[in-house]
Amino acid sequence: MSATSQDKFFIGGEWVSPRSAVTIAVHNASTGERVGTVPEAAQADVDAVDAARGAFDDPSGWSSWSPTERGAALERLASELEARAQEIGRLVSTQNGMPIVLSPIIEG
């Protein structure tokens, strides 16, 4: 299986580089094989919670949307998750070491 690596965090609506070059190895739980890496969050990255709070408090953001607008956004999210279901299932199965047939049932 080829390695899959992520090198950024999604913060404040955009992909941003981590403040540290330190990464965490991700291993297949069944085989122990290294299957990728993810960035390790430094304190400055964790402080991105402030970005989430700012997005919530934004007068044109989620907190000001009507129930209809929020519903439409959640529907778009559901559609995107559904479109990526097989890939998400494969990644979850690899990381957790469970058979692919179980990941949609247990993790879904």
PDB file of N, CA and C in Angstrom:
ATOM      1  N   MET A   1       0.848  -1.175   0.000  1.00  0.00           N
ATOM      2  CA  MET A   1       0.000   0.000   0.000  1.00  0.00           C
ATOM      3  C   MET A   1       0.891   1.234   0.000  1.00  0.00           C
ATOM      4  N   SER A   2       0.525   2.216  -0.784  1.00  0.00           N
ATOM      5  CA  SER A   2       1.338   3.429  -0.850  1.00  0.00           C
ATOM      6  C   SER A   2       1.068   4.328   0.352  1.00  0.00           C
ATOM      7  N   ALA A   3       2.064   5.085   0.725  1.00  0.00           N
ATOM      8  CA  ALA A   3       1.944   5.987   1.868  1.00  0.00           C
ATOM      9  C   ALA A   3       1.085   7.192   1.501  1.00  0.00           C
ATOM     10  N   THR A   4       0.307   7.657   2.455  1.00  0.00           N
ATOM     11  CA  THR A   4      -0.512   8.848   2.295  1.00  0.00           C
ATOM     12  C   THR A   4      -0.106   9.821   3.383  1.00  0.00           C
ATOM     13  N   SER A   5       0.284  11.009   2.973  1.00  0.00           N
ATOM     14  CA  SER A   5       0.731  11.981   3.949  1.00  0.00           C
ATOM     15  C   SER A   5      -0.059  13.276   3.829  1.00  0.00           C
ATOM     16  N   GLN A   6      -0.261  13.903   4.948  1.00  0.00           N
ATOM     17  CA  GLN A   6      -0.909  15.214   5.009  1.00  0.00           C
ATOM     18  C   GLN A   6       0.127  16.154   5.602  1.00  0.00           C
ATOM     19  N   ASP A   7       0.278  17.325   5.002  1.00  0.00           N
ATOM     20  CA  ASP A   7       1.310  18.229   5.500  1.00  0.00           C
ATOM     21  C   ASP A   7       0.763  19.577   5.955  1.00  0.00           C
ATOM     22  N   LYS A   8      -0.564  19.699   6.028  1.00  0.00           N
ATOM     23  CA  LYS A   8      -1.164  20.969   6.444  1.00  0.00           C
ATOM     24  C   LYS A   8      -2.349  20.717   7.374  1.00  0.00           C
ATOM     25  N   PHE A   9      -2.753  21.775   8.047  1.00  0.00           N
ATOM     26  CA  PHE A   9      -3.953  21.776   8.882  1.00  0.00           C
ATOM     27  C   PHE A   9      -5.014  22.618   8.185  1.00  0.00           C
ATOM     28  N   PHE A  10      -6.279  22.269   8.377  1.00  0.00           N
ATOM     29  CA  PHE A  10      -7.371  23.086   7.845  1.00  0.00           C
ATOM     30  C   PHE A  10      -7.837  23.979   8.984  1.00  0.00           C
ATOM     31  N   ILE A  11      -7.488  25.265   8.908  1.00  0.00           N
ATOM     32  CA  ILE A  11      -7.764  26.223   9.986  1.00  0.00           C
ATOM     33  C   ILE A  11      -8.367  27.480   9.377  1.00  0.00           C
ATOM     34  N   GLY A  12      -9.466  27.920   9.935  1.00  0.00           N
ATOM     35  CA  GLY A  12     -10.063  29.173   9.485  1.00  0.00           C
ATOM     36  C   GLY A  12     -10.492  29.143   8.032  1.00  0.00           C
ATOM     37  N   GLY A  13     -10.877  27.968   7.545  1.00  0.00           N
ATOM     38  CA  GLY A  13     -11.373  27.858   6.183  1.00  0.00           C
ATOM     39  C   GLY A  13     -10.307  27.702   5.114  1.00  0.00           C
ATOM     40  N   GLU A  14      -9.067  27.467   5.523  1.00  0.00           N
ATOM     41  CA  GLU A  14      -8.014  27.288   4.528  1.00  0.00           C
ATOM     42  C   GLU A  14      -6.956  26.311   5.032  1.00  0.00           C
ATOM     43  N   TRP A  15      -6.220  25.714   4.091  1.00  0.00           N
ATOM     44  CA  TRP A  15      -5.125  24.811   4.437  1.00  0.00           C
ATOM     45  C   TRP A  15      -3.897  25.655   4.764  1.00  0.00           C
ATOM     46  N   VAL A  16      -3.349  25.445   5.959  1.00  0.00           N
ATOM     47  CA  VAL A  16      -2.184  26.215   6.397  1.00  0.00           C
ATOM     48  C   VAL A  16      -1.061  25.276   6.840  1.00  0.00           C
ATOM     49  N   SER A  17       0.139  25.720   6.624  1.00  0.00           N
ATOM     50  CA  SER A  17       1.298  24.933   7.029  1.00  0.00           C
ATOM     51  C   SER A  17       1.448  24.958   8.544  1.00  0.00           C
ATOM     52  N   PRO A  18       1.866  23.846   9.126  1.00  0.00           N
ATOM     53  CA  PRO A  18       2.079  23.814  10.574  1.00  0.00           C
ATOM     54  C   PRO A  18       3.258  24.683  10.971  1.00  0.00           C
ATOM     55  N   ARG A  19       3.296  25.076  12.223  1.00  0.00           N
ATOM     56  CA  ARG A  19       4.389  25.918  12.736  1.00  0.00           C
ATOM     57  C   ARG A  19       5.647  25.113  13.014  1.00  0.00           C
ATOM     58  N   SER A  20       5.511  23.801  13.004  1.00  0.00           N
ATOM     59  CA  SER A  20       6.634  22.918  13.306  1.00  0.00           C
ATOM     60  C   SER A  20       6.834  21.949  12.145  1.00  0.00           C
ATOM     61  N   ALA A  21       8.038  21.484  11.960  1.00  0.00           N
ATOM     62  CA  ALA A  21       8.330  20.488  10.929  1.00  0.00           C
ATOM     63  C   ALA A  21       8.187  19.067  11.461  1.00  0.00           C
ATOM     64  N   VAL A  22       7.839  18.918  12.732  1.00  0.00           N
ATOM     65  CA  VAL A  22       7.720  17.602  13.351  1.00  0.00           C
ATOM     66  C   VAL A  22       6.485  16.895  12.802  1.00  0.00           C
ATOM     67  N   THR A  23       6.633  15.617  12.475  1.00  0.00           N
ATOM     68  CA  THR A  23       5.508  14.835  11.970  1.00  0.00           C
ATOM     69  C   THR A  23       5.285  13.604  12.840  1.00  0.00           C
ATOM     70  N   ILE A  24       4.121  13.020  12.674  1.00  0.00           N
ATOM     71  CA  ILE A  24       3.756  11.789  13.368  1.00  0.00           C
ATOM     72  C   ILE A  24       3.568  10.715  12.309  1.00  0.00           C
ATOM     73  N   ALA A  25       4.213   9.587  12.499  1.00  0.00           N
ATOM     74  CA  ALA A  25       4.055   8.470  11.568  1.00  0.00           C
ATOM     75  C   ALA A  25       2.719   7.783  11.817  1.00  0.00           C
ATOM     76  N   VAL A  26       2.045   7.422  10.741  1.00  0.00           N
ATOM     77  CA  VAL A  26       0.785   6.682  10.817  1.00  0.00           C
ATOM     78  C   VAL A  26       1.075   5.272  10.317  1.00  0.00           C
ATOM     79  N   HIS A  27       0.671   4.264  11.115  1.00  0.00           N
ATOM     80  CA  HIS A  27       0.947   2.876  10.776  1.00  0.00           C
ATOM     81  C   HIS A  27      -0.341   2.092  10.577  1.00  0.00           C
ATOM     82  N   ASN A  28      -0.268   1.102   9.691  1.00  0.00           N
ATOM     83  CA  ASN A  28      -1.363   0.168   9.511  1.00  0.00           C
ATOM     84  C   ASN A  28      -1.425  -0.672  10.775  1.00  0.00           C
ATOM     85  N   ALA A  29      -2.563  -0.653  11.445  1.00  0.00           N
ATOM     86  CA  ALA A  29      -2.691  -1.355  12.729  1.00  0.00           C
ATOM     87  C   ALA A  29      -2.607  -2.872  12.569  1.00  0.00           C
ATOM     88  N   SER A  30      -2.905  -3.375  11.398  1.00  0.00           N
ATOM     89  CA  SER A  30      -2.842  -4.824  11.179  1.00  0.00           C
ATOM     90  C   SER A  30      -1.438  -5.320  10.874  1.00  0.00           C
ATOM     91  N   THR A  31      -0.691  -4.520  10.111  1.00  0.00           N
ATOM     92  CA  THR A  31       0.612  -4.987   9.646  1.00  0.00           C
ATOM     93  C   THR A  31       1.799  -4.257  10.272  1.00  0.00           C
ATOM     94  N   GLY A  32       1.537  -3.112  10.869  1.00  0.00           N
ATOM     95  CA  GLY A  32       2.621  -2.302  11.411  1.00  0.00           C
ATOM     96  C   GLY A  32       3.324  -1.482  10.348  1.00  0.00           C
ATOM     97  N   GLU A  33       2.944  -1.647   9.079  1.00  0.00           N
ATOM     98  CA  GLU A  33       3.564  -0.910   7.973  1.00  0.00           C
ATOM     99  C   GLU A  33       3.282   0.583   8.106  1.00  0.00           C
ATOM    100  N   ARG A  34       4.284   1.389   7.864  1.00  0.00           N
ATOM    101  CA  ARG A  34       4.093   2.840   7.863  1.00  0.00           C
ATOM    102  C   ARG A  34       3.313   3.207   6.599  1.00  0.00           C
ATOM    103  N   VAL A  35       2.175   3.885   6.788  1.00  0.00           N
ATOM    104  CA  VAL A  35       1.320   4.210   5.644  1.00  0.00           C
ATOM    105  C   VAL A  35       1.201   5.703   5.397  1.00  0.00           C
ATOM    106  N   GLY A  36       1.835   6.517   6.221  1.00  0.00           N
ATOM    107  CA  GLY A  36       1.789   7.947   5.987  1.00  0.00           C
ATOM    108  C   GLY A  36       2.293   8.742   7.166  1.00  0.00           C
ATOM    109  N   THR A  37       2.133  10.054   7.051  1.00  0.00           N
ATOM    110  CA  THR A  37       2.515  10.964   8.122  1.00  0.00           C
ATOM    111  C   THR A  37       1.496  12.090   8.211  1.00  0.00           C
ATOM    112  N   VAL A  38       1.432  12.679   9.372  1.00  0.00           N
ATOM    113  CA  VAL A  38       0.618  13.873   9.607  1.00  0.00           C
ATOM    114  C   VAL A  38       1.460  14.839  10.423  1.00  0.00           C
ATOM    115  N   PRO A  39       1.187  16.141  10.300  1.00  0.00           N
ATOM    116  CA  PRO A  39       1.966  17.089  11.098  1.00  0.00           C
ATOM    117  C   PRO A  39       1.596  16.989  12.574  1.00  0.00           C
ATOM    118  N   GLU A  40       2.589  17.211  13.416  1.00  0.00           N
ATOM    119  CA  GLU A  40       2.332  17.294  14.849  1.00  0.00           C
ATOM    120  C   GLU A  40       2.044  18.756  15.171  1.00  0.00           C
ATOM    121  N   ALA A  41       0.947  18.989  15.847  1.00  0.00           N
ATOM    122  CA  ALA A  41       0.556  20.367  16.158  1.00  0.00           C
ATOM    123  C   ALA A  41       1.443  20.951  17.250  1.00  0.00           C
ATOM    124  N   ALA A  42       1.984  22.121  16.975  1.00  0.00           N
ATOM    125  CA  ALA A  42       2.703  22.900  17.979  1.00  0.00           C
ATOM    126  C   ALA A  42       1.668  23.754  18.716  1.00  0.00           C
ATOM    127  N   GLN A  43       2.059  24.360  19.811  1.00  0.00           N
ATOM    128  CA  GLN A  43       1.133  25.198  20.576  1.00  0.00           C
ATOM    129  C   GLN A  43       0.493  26.273  19.697  1.00  0.00           C
ATOM    130  N   ALA A  44       1.270  26.853  18.803  1.00  0.00           N
ATOM    131  CA  ALA A  44       0.737  27.897  17.915  1.00  0.00           C
ATOM    132  C   ALA A  44      -0.347  27.352  16.995  1.00  0.00           C
ATOM    133  N   ASP A  45      -0.241  26.068  16.603  1.00  0.00           N
ATOM    134  CA  ASP A  45      -1.267  25.453  15.773  1.00  0.00           C
ATOM    135  C   ASP A  45      -2.528  25.182  16.583  1.00  0.00           C
ATOM    136  N   VAL A  46      -2.352  24.758  17.805  1.00  0.00           N
ATOM    137  CA  VAL A  46      -3.485  24.466  18.677  1.00  0.00           C
ATOM    138  C   VAL A  46      -4.261  25.743  18.977  1.00  0.00           C
ATOM    139  N   ASP A  47      -3.569  26.848  19.015  1.00  0.00           N
ATOM    140  CA  ASP A  47      -4.230  28.128  19.251  1.00  0.00           C
ATOM    141  C   ASP A  47      -5.186  28.489  18.122  1.00  0.00           C
ATOM    142  N   ALA A  48      -5.239  27.656  17.092  1.00  0.00           N
ATOM    143  CA  ALA A  48      -6.163  27.882  15.980  1.00  0.00           C
ATOM    144  C   ALA A  48      -7.616  27.797  16.429  1.00  0.00           C
ATOM    145  N   VAL A  49      -7.845  27.342  17.644  1.00  0.00           N
ATOM    146  CA  VAL A  49      -9.196  27.373  18.188  1.00  0.00           C
ATOM    147  C   VAL A  49      -9.720  28.805  18.141  1.00  0.00           C
ATOM    148  N   ASP A  50      -8.813  29.759  18.289  1.00  0.00           N
ATOM    149  CA  ASP A  50      -9.212  31.163  18.180  1.00  0.00           C
ATOM    150  C   ASP A  50      -9.785  31.457  16.790  1.00  0.00           C
ATOM    151  N   ALA A  51      -9.210  30.817  15.760  1.00  0.00           N
ATOM    152  CA  ALA A  51      -9.726  31.009  14.400  1.00  0.00           C
ATOM    153  C   ALA A  51     -11.140  30.459  14.289  1.00  0.00           C
ATOM    154  N   ALA A  52     -11.382  29.323  14.925  1.00  0.00           N
ATOM    155  CA  ALA A  52     -12.729  28.749  14.894  1.00  0.00           C
ATOM    156  C   ALA A  52     -13.714  29.659  15.619  1.00  0.00           C
ATOM    157  N   ARG A  53     -13.315  30.198  16.741  1.00  0.00           N
ATOM    158  CA  ARG A  53     -14.188  31.113  17.484  1.00  0.00           C
ATOM    159  C   ARG A  53     -14.476  32.359  16.652  1.00  0.00           C
ATOM    160  N   GLY A  54     -13.430  32.865  16.000  1.00  0.00           N
ATOM    161  CA  GLY A  54     -13.608  34.036  15.149  1.00  0.00           C
ATOM    162  C   GLY A  54     -14.569  33.759  14.003  1.00  0.00           C
ATOM    163  N   ALA A  55     -14.470  32.570  13.414  1.00  0.00           N
ATOM    164  CA  ALA A  55     -15.382  32.213  12.325  1.00  0.00           C
ATOM    165  C   ALA A  55     -16.813  32.138  12.838  1.00  0.00           C
ATOM    166  N   PHE A  56     -16.980  31.609  14.046  1.00  0.00           N
ATOM    167  CA  PHE A  56     -18.324  31.514  14.611  1.00  0.00           C
ATOM    168  C   PHE A  56     -18.878  32.904  14.901  1.00  0.00           C
ATOM    169  N   ASP A  57     -18.033  33.776  15.411  1.00  0.00           N
ATOM    170  CA  ASP A  57     -18.484  35.121  15.773  1.00  0.00           C
ATOM    171  C   ASP A  57     -18.609  36.064  14.575  1.00  0.00           C
ATOM    172  N   ASP A  58     -18.088  35.671  13.428  1.00  0.00           N
ATOM    173  CA  ASP A  58     -18.166  36.499  12.221  1.00  0.00           C
ATOM    174  C   ASP A  58     -19.633  36.822  11.912  1.00  0.00           C
ATOM    175  N   PRO A  59     -19.987  38.090  11.774  1.00  0.00           N
ATOM    176  CA  PRO A  59     -21.381  38.466  11.541  1.00  0.00           C
ATOM    177  C   PRO A  59     -21.977  37.876  10.264  1.00  0.00           C
ATOM    178  N   SER A  60     -21.132  37.441   9.335  1.00  0.00           N
ATOM    179  CA  SER A  60     -21.664  36.820   8.126  1.00  0.00           C
ATOM    180  C   SER A  60     -21.486  35.304   8.148  1.00  0.00           C
ATOM    181  N   GLY A  61     -21.048  34.769   9.281  1.00  0.00           N
ATOM    182  CA  GLY A  61     -20.758  33.344   9.399  1.00  0.00           C
ATOM    183  C   GLY A  61     -21.916  32.516   9.929  1.00  0.00           C
ATOM    184  N   TRP A  62     -21.589  31.285  10.265  1.00  0.00           N
ATOM    185  CA  TRP A  62     -22.552  30.255  10.676  1.00  0.00           C
ATOM    186  C   TRP A  62     -23.564  30.739  11.706  1.00  0.00           C
ATOM    187  N   SER A  63     -23.107  31.446  12.711  1.00  0.00           N
ATOM    188  CA  SER A  63     -24.013  31.844  13.795  1.00  0.00           C
ATOM    189  C   SER A  63     -25.109  32.793  13.326  1.00  0.00           C
ATOM    190  N   SER A  64     -24.900  33.458  12.189  1.00  0.00           N
ATOM    191  CA  SER A  64     -25.919  34.376  11.688  1.00  0.00           C
ATOM    192  C   SER A  64     -26.778  33.759  10.585  1.00  0.00           C
ATOM    193  N   TRP A  65     -26.454  32.528  10.173  1.00  0.00           N
ATOM    194  CA  TRP A  65     -27.207  31.896   9.091  1.00  0.00           C
ATOM    195  C   TRP A  65     -28.586  31.454   9.560  1.00  0.00           C
ATOM    196  N   SER A  66     -29.507  31.454   8.645  1.00  0.00           N
ATOM    197  CA  SER A  66     -30.853  30.953   8.935  1.00  0.00           C
ATOM    198  C   SER A  66     -30.805  29.427   9.023  1.00  0.00           C
ATOM    199  N   PRO A  67     -31.820  28.825   9.630  1.00  0.00           N
ATOM    200  CA  PRO A  67     -31.865  27.354   9.659  1.00  0.00           C
ATOM    201  C   PRO A  67     -31.804  26.749   8.253  1.00  0.00           C
ATOM    202  N   THR A  68     -32.400  27.402   7.277  1.00  0.00           N
ATOM    203  CA  THR A  68     -32.376  26.898   5.907  1.00  0.00           C
ATOM    204  C   THR A  68     -30.950  26.904   5.354  1.00  0.00           C
ATOM    205  N   GLU A  69     -30.209  27.991   5.600  1.00  0.00           N
ATOM    206  CA  GLU A  69     -28.823  28.068   5.133  1.00  0.00           C
ATOM    207  C   GLU A  69     -27.950  27.031   5.832  1.00  0.00           C
ATOM    208  N   ARG A  70     -28.152  26.863   7.121  1.00  0.00           N
ATOM    209  CA  ARG A  70     -27.378  25.852   7.854  1.00  0.00           C
ATOM    210  C   ARG A  70     -27.693  24.461   7.338  1.00  0.00           C
ATOM    211  N   GLY A  71     -28.976  24.202   7.102  1.00  0.00           N
ATOM    212  CA  GLY A  71     -29.383  22.904   6.568  1.00  0.00           C
ATOM    213  C   GLY A  71     -28.738  22.624   5.218  1.00  0.00           C
ATOM    214  N   ALA A  72     -28.711  23.644   4.351  1.00  0.00           N
ATOM    215  CA  ALA A  72     -28.090  23.478   3.034  1.00  0.00           C
ATOM    216  C   ALA A  72     -26.591  23.187   3.166  1.00  0.00           C
ATOM    217  N   ALA A  73     -25.935  23.861   4.104  1.00  0.00           N
ATOM    218  CA  ALA A  73     -24.503  23.617   4.317  1.00  0.00           C
ATOM    219  C   ALA A  73     -24.266  22.192   4.804  1.00  0.00           C
ATOM    220  N   LEU A  74     -25.106  21.722   5.714  1.00  0.00           N
ATOM    221  CA  LEU A  74     -24.968  20.349   6.212  1.00  0.00           C
ATOM    222  C   LEU A  74     -25.259  19.331   5.116  1.00  0.00           C
ATOM    223  N   GLU A  75     -26.196  19.637   4.235  1.00  0.00           N
ATOM    224  CA  GLU A  75     -26.475  18.757   3.099  1.00  0.00           C
ATOM    225  C   GLU A  75     -25.266  18.674   2.163  1.00  0.00           C
ATOM    226  N   ARG A  76     -24.607  19.810   1.921  1.00  0.00           N
ATOM    227  CA  ARG A  76     -23.390  19.805   1.086  1.00  0.00           C
ATOM    228  C   ARG A  76     -22.301  18.971   1.743  1.00  0.00           C
ATOM    229  N   LEU A  77     -22.163  19.115   3.062  1.00  0.00           N
ATOM    230  CA  LEU A  77     -21.177  18.318   3.789  1.00  0.00           C
ATOM    231  C   LEU A  77     -21.496  16.832   3.659  1.00  0.00           C
ATOM    232  N   ALA A  78     -22.755  16.470   3.849  1.00  0.00           N
ATOM    233  CA  ALA A  78     -23.159  15.065   3.740  1.00  0.00           C
ATOM    234  C   ALA A  78     -22.873  14.515   2.343  1.00  0.00           C
ATOM    235  N   SER A  79     -23.125  15.317   1.323  1.00  0.00           N
ATOM    236  CA  SER A  79     -22.858  14.891  -0.057  1.00  0.00           C
ATOM    237  C   SER A  79     -21.368  14.657  -0.280  1.00  0.00           C
ATOM    238  N   GLU A  80     -20.546  15.554   0.244  1.00  0.00           N
ATOM    239  CA  GLU A  80     -19.098  15.404   0.097  1.00  0.00           C
ATOM    240  C   GLU A  80     -18.593  14.172   0.844  1.00  0.00           C
ATOM    241  N   LEU A  81     -19.115  13.935   2.036  1.00  0.00           N
ATOM    242  CA  LEU A  81     -18.716  12.739   2.792  1.00  0.00           C
ATOM    243  C   LEU A  81     -19.135  11.473   2.055  1.00  0.00           C
ATOM    244  N   GLU A  82     -20.329  11.477   1.511  1.00  0.00           N
ATOM    245  CA  GLU A  82     -20.812  10.320   0.761  1.00  0.00           C
ATOM    246  C   GLU A  82     -19.946  10.068  -0.474  1.00  0.00           C
ATOM    247  N   ALA A  83     -19.572  11.138  -1.163  1.00  0.00           N
ATOM    248  CA  ALA A  83     -18.735  11.001  -2.356  1.00  0.00           C
ATOM    249  C   ALA A  83     -17.360  10.420  -2.019  1.00  0.00           C
ATOM    250  N   ARG A  84     -16.905  10.631  -0.793  1.00  0.00           N
ATOM    251  CA  ARG A  84     -15.585  10.161  -0.371  1.00  0.00           C
ATOM    252  C   ARG A  84     -15.656   8.932   0.536  1.00  0.00           C
ATOM    253  N   ALA A  85     -16.809   8.324   0.646  1.00  0.00           N
ATOM    254  CA  ALA A  85     -17.028   7.236   1.607  1.00  0.00           C
ATOM    255  C   ALA A  85     -16.052   6.079   1.428  1.00  0.00           C
ATOM    256  N   GLN A  86     -15.806   5.655   0.198  1.00  0.00           N
ATOM    257  CA  GLN A  86     -14.902   4.519  -0.001  1.00  0.00           C
ATOM    258  C   GLN A  86     -13.480   4.859   0.441  1.00  0.00           C
ATOM    259  N   GLU A  87     -13.016   6.046   0.097  1.00  0.00           N
ATOM    260  CA  GLU A  87     -11.663   6.438   0.490  1.00  0.00           C
ATOM    261  C   GLU A  87     -11.567   6.598   2.008  1.00  0.00           C
ATOM    262  N   ILE A  88     -12.556   7.199   2.616  1.00  0.00           N
ATOM    263  CA  ILE A  88     -12.562   7.352   4.080  1.00  0.00           C
ATOM    264  C   ILE A  88     -12.568   5.979   4.737  1.00  0.00           C
ATOM    265  N   GLY A  89     -13.399   5.075   4.219  1.00  0.00           N
ATOM    266  CA  GLY A  89     -13.451   3.713   4.757  1.00  0.00           C
ATOM    267  C   GLY A  89     -12.117   3.009   4.656  1.00  0.00           C
ATOM    268  N   ARG A  90     -11.442   3.169   3.512  1.00  0.00           N
ATOM    269  CA  ARG A  90     -10.137   2.539   3.330  1.00  0.00           C
ATOM    270  C   ARG A  90      -9.123   3.086   4.327  1.00  0.00           C
ATOM    271  N   LEU A  91      -9.119   4.407   4.507  1.00  0.00           N
ATOM    272  CA  LEU A  91      -8.169   5.013   5.442  1.00  0.00           C
ATOM    273  C   LEU A  91      -8.447   4.603   6.887  1.00  0.00           C
ATOM    274  N   VAL A  92      -9.718   4.589   7.263  1.00  0.00           N
ATOM    275  CA  VAL A  92     -10.080   4.184   8.635  1.00  0.00           C
ATOM    276  C   VAL A  92      -9.702   2.727   8.865  1.00  0.00           C
ATOM    277  N   SER A  93      -9.977   1.877   7.888  1.00  0.00           N
ATOM    278  CA  SER A  93      -9.635   0.454   8.030  1.00  0.00           C
ATOM    279  C   SER A  93      -8.138   0.253   8.173  1.00  0.00           C
ATOM    280  N   THR A  94      -7.374   1.001   7.395  1.00  0.00           N
ATOM    281  CA  THR A  94      -5.919   0.888   7.462  1.00  0.00           C
ATOM    282  C   THR A  94      -5.398   1.340   8.824  1.00  0.00           C
ATOM    283  N   GLN A  95      -5.888   2.486   9.286  1.00  0.00           N
ATOM    284  CA  GLN A  95      -5.391   3.021  10.555  1.00  0.00           C
ATOM    285  C   GLN A  95      -5.827   2.164  11.741  1.00  0.00           C
ATOM    286  N   ASN A  96      -7.074   1.678  11.720  1.00  0.00           N
ATOM    287  CA  ASN A  96      -7.599   0.939  12.868  1.00  0.00           C
ATOM    288  C   ASN A  96      -7.373  -0.562  12.786  1.00  0.00           C
ATOM    289  N   GLY A  97      -6.983  -1.044  11.612  1.00  0.00           N
ATOM    290  CA  GLY A  97      -6.716  -2.467  11.462  1.00  0.00           C
ATOM    291  C   GLY A  97      -7.969  -3.319  11.366  1.00  0.00           C
ATOM    292  N   MET A  98      -9.073  -2.716  10.976  1.00  0.00           N
ATOM    293  CA  MET A  98     -10.313  -3.488  10.861  1.00  0.00           C
ATOM    294  C   MET A  98     -10.585  -3.842   9.406  1.00  0.00           C
ATOM    295  N   PRO A  99     -11.325  -4.916   9.172  1.00  0.00           N
ATOM    296  CA  PRO A  99     -11.686  -5.256   7.795  1.00  0.00           C
ATOM    297  C   PRO A  99     -12.489  -4.115   7.160  1.00  0.00           C
ATOM    298  N   ILE A 100     -12.253  -3.870   5.886  1.00  0.00           N
ATOM    299  CA  ILE A 100     -12.902  -2.776   5.180  1.00  0.00           C
ATOM    300  C   ILE A 100     -14.422  -2.897   5.234  1.00  0.00           C
ATOM    301  N   VAL A 101     -14.924  -4.099   5.288  1.00  0.00           N
ATOM    302  CA  VAL A 101     -16.376  -4.294   5.317  1.00  0.00           C
ATOM    303  C   VAL A 101     -16.985  -3.784   6.625  1.00  0.00           C
ATOM    304  N   LEU A 102     -16.200  -3.727   7.685  1.00  0.00           N
ATOM    305  CA  LEU A 102     -16.713  -3.258   8.982  1.00  0.00           C
ATOM    306  C   LEU A 102     -16.619  -1.754   9.181  1.00  0.00           C
ATOM    307  N   SER A 103     -15.694  -1.090   8.503  1.00  0.00           N
ATOM    308  CA  SER A 103     -15.488   0.337   8.779  1.00  0.00           C
ATOM    309  C   SER A 103     -16.734   1.189   8.546  1.00  0.00           C
ATOM    310  N   PRO A 104     -17.531   0.957   7.487  1.00  0.00           N
ATOM    311  CA  PRO A 104     -18.736   1.793   7.337  1.00  0.00           C
ATOM    312  C   PRO A 104     -19.768   1.550   8.445  1.00  0.00           C
ATOM    313  N   ILE A 105     -19.785   0.333   8.960  1.00  0.00           N
ATOM    314  CA  ILE A 105     -20.760  -0.013  10.001  1.00  0.00           C
ATOM    315  C   ILE A 105     -20.342   0.578  11.344  1.00  0.00           C
ATOM    316  N   ILE A 106     -19.084   0.408  11.695  1.00  0.00           N
ATOM    317  CA  ILE A 106     -18.590   0.832  13.003  1.00  0.00           C
ATOM    318  C   ILE A 106     -18.249   2.319  13.027  1.00  0.00           C
ATOM    319  N   GLU A 107     -17.600   2.798  11.990  1.00  0.00           N
ATOM    320  CA  GLU A 107     -17.142   4.186  11.960  1.00  0.00           C
ATOM    321  C   GLU A 107     -18.145   5.134  11.305  1.00  0.00           C
ATOM    322  N   GLY A 108     -19.093   4.575  10.546  1.00  0.00           N
ATOM    323  CA  GLY A 108     -20.036   5.396   9.779  1.00  0.00           C
ATOM    324  C   GLY A 108     -21.009   6.054  10.633  1.00  0.00           C
TER     325      GLY A 108
END
